[in-house]
Amino acid sequence: MRDVNVHIFERHARKYDRWFEEHAYTYESEVLAVRSLLPQSGRGLEIGVGTGRFALPLGITVGAEPAHAMASIARQRGIRVYEASADDLPFADESFDFVVMVTAICFFNDPLHALRETSRVLKSSGRIIIGTIARTALSGRTIKRSRARARFIDTPAFSPSPK
């Protein structure tokens, strides 16, 4: 089963990717926030790797991404991408020391099932890092003002942060 709104990411992969260049300060802030939560070592996986904008600077070399256009860009960045959705990961049990999801969980058809599947591929001592963007935070307001990235968060699947 493919995650919801994959067609948006297929059609606008390049526009999505350019957003990070046009909003470098917000992007770097997001990378630093996620990096601060990563373990010092271990094998990592990014679910919803997109174009690899987070995996690459975080040193994550494996990703899962259902949108072919996004996966292609991530592969160009050197990420080994499996075209798979979060609810059906093509990895053996206990394959990873940590799993990262950055602004991805809001697009999953069944987030609870995706988390169960994530737990399956995670080692028992592993860590799940989930990054979301609060609409009321500075980065959330910046994204909202930017039509290029806002189209991705203004979908029916995106659940707004509590006020």
Foldseek 3Di string as FASTA:
>chain_A
DAWPPLVVCQVQLVLQVCVCVVPVVLLVVLLVVQLVPDDPDWAEEEEQCFLVSNCLVSVHQEYEHQRPNRVVNNVVSRHHYDNDHLLDDPAAFQQIQEYEYAQHLLRGPDSVSSVVSVNRNHHPNHYYHYHDDACPDPSNVVQCVDPSNVVVCPDPSHDHDDD
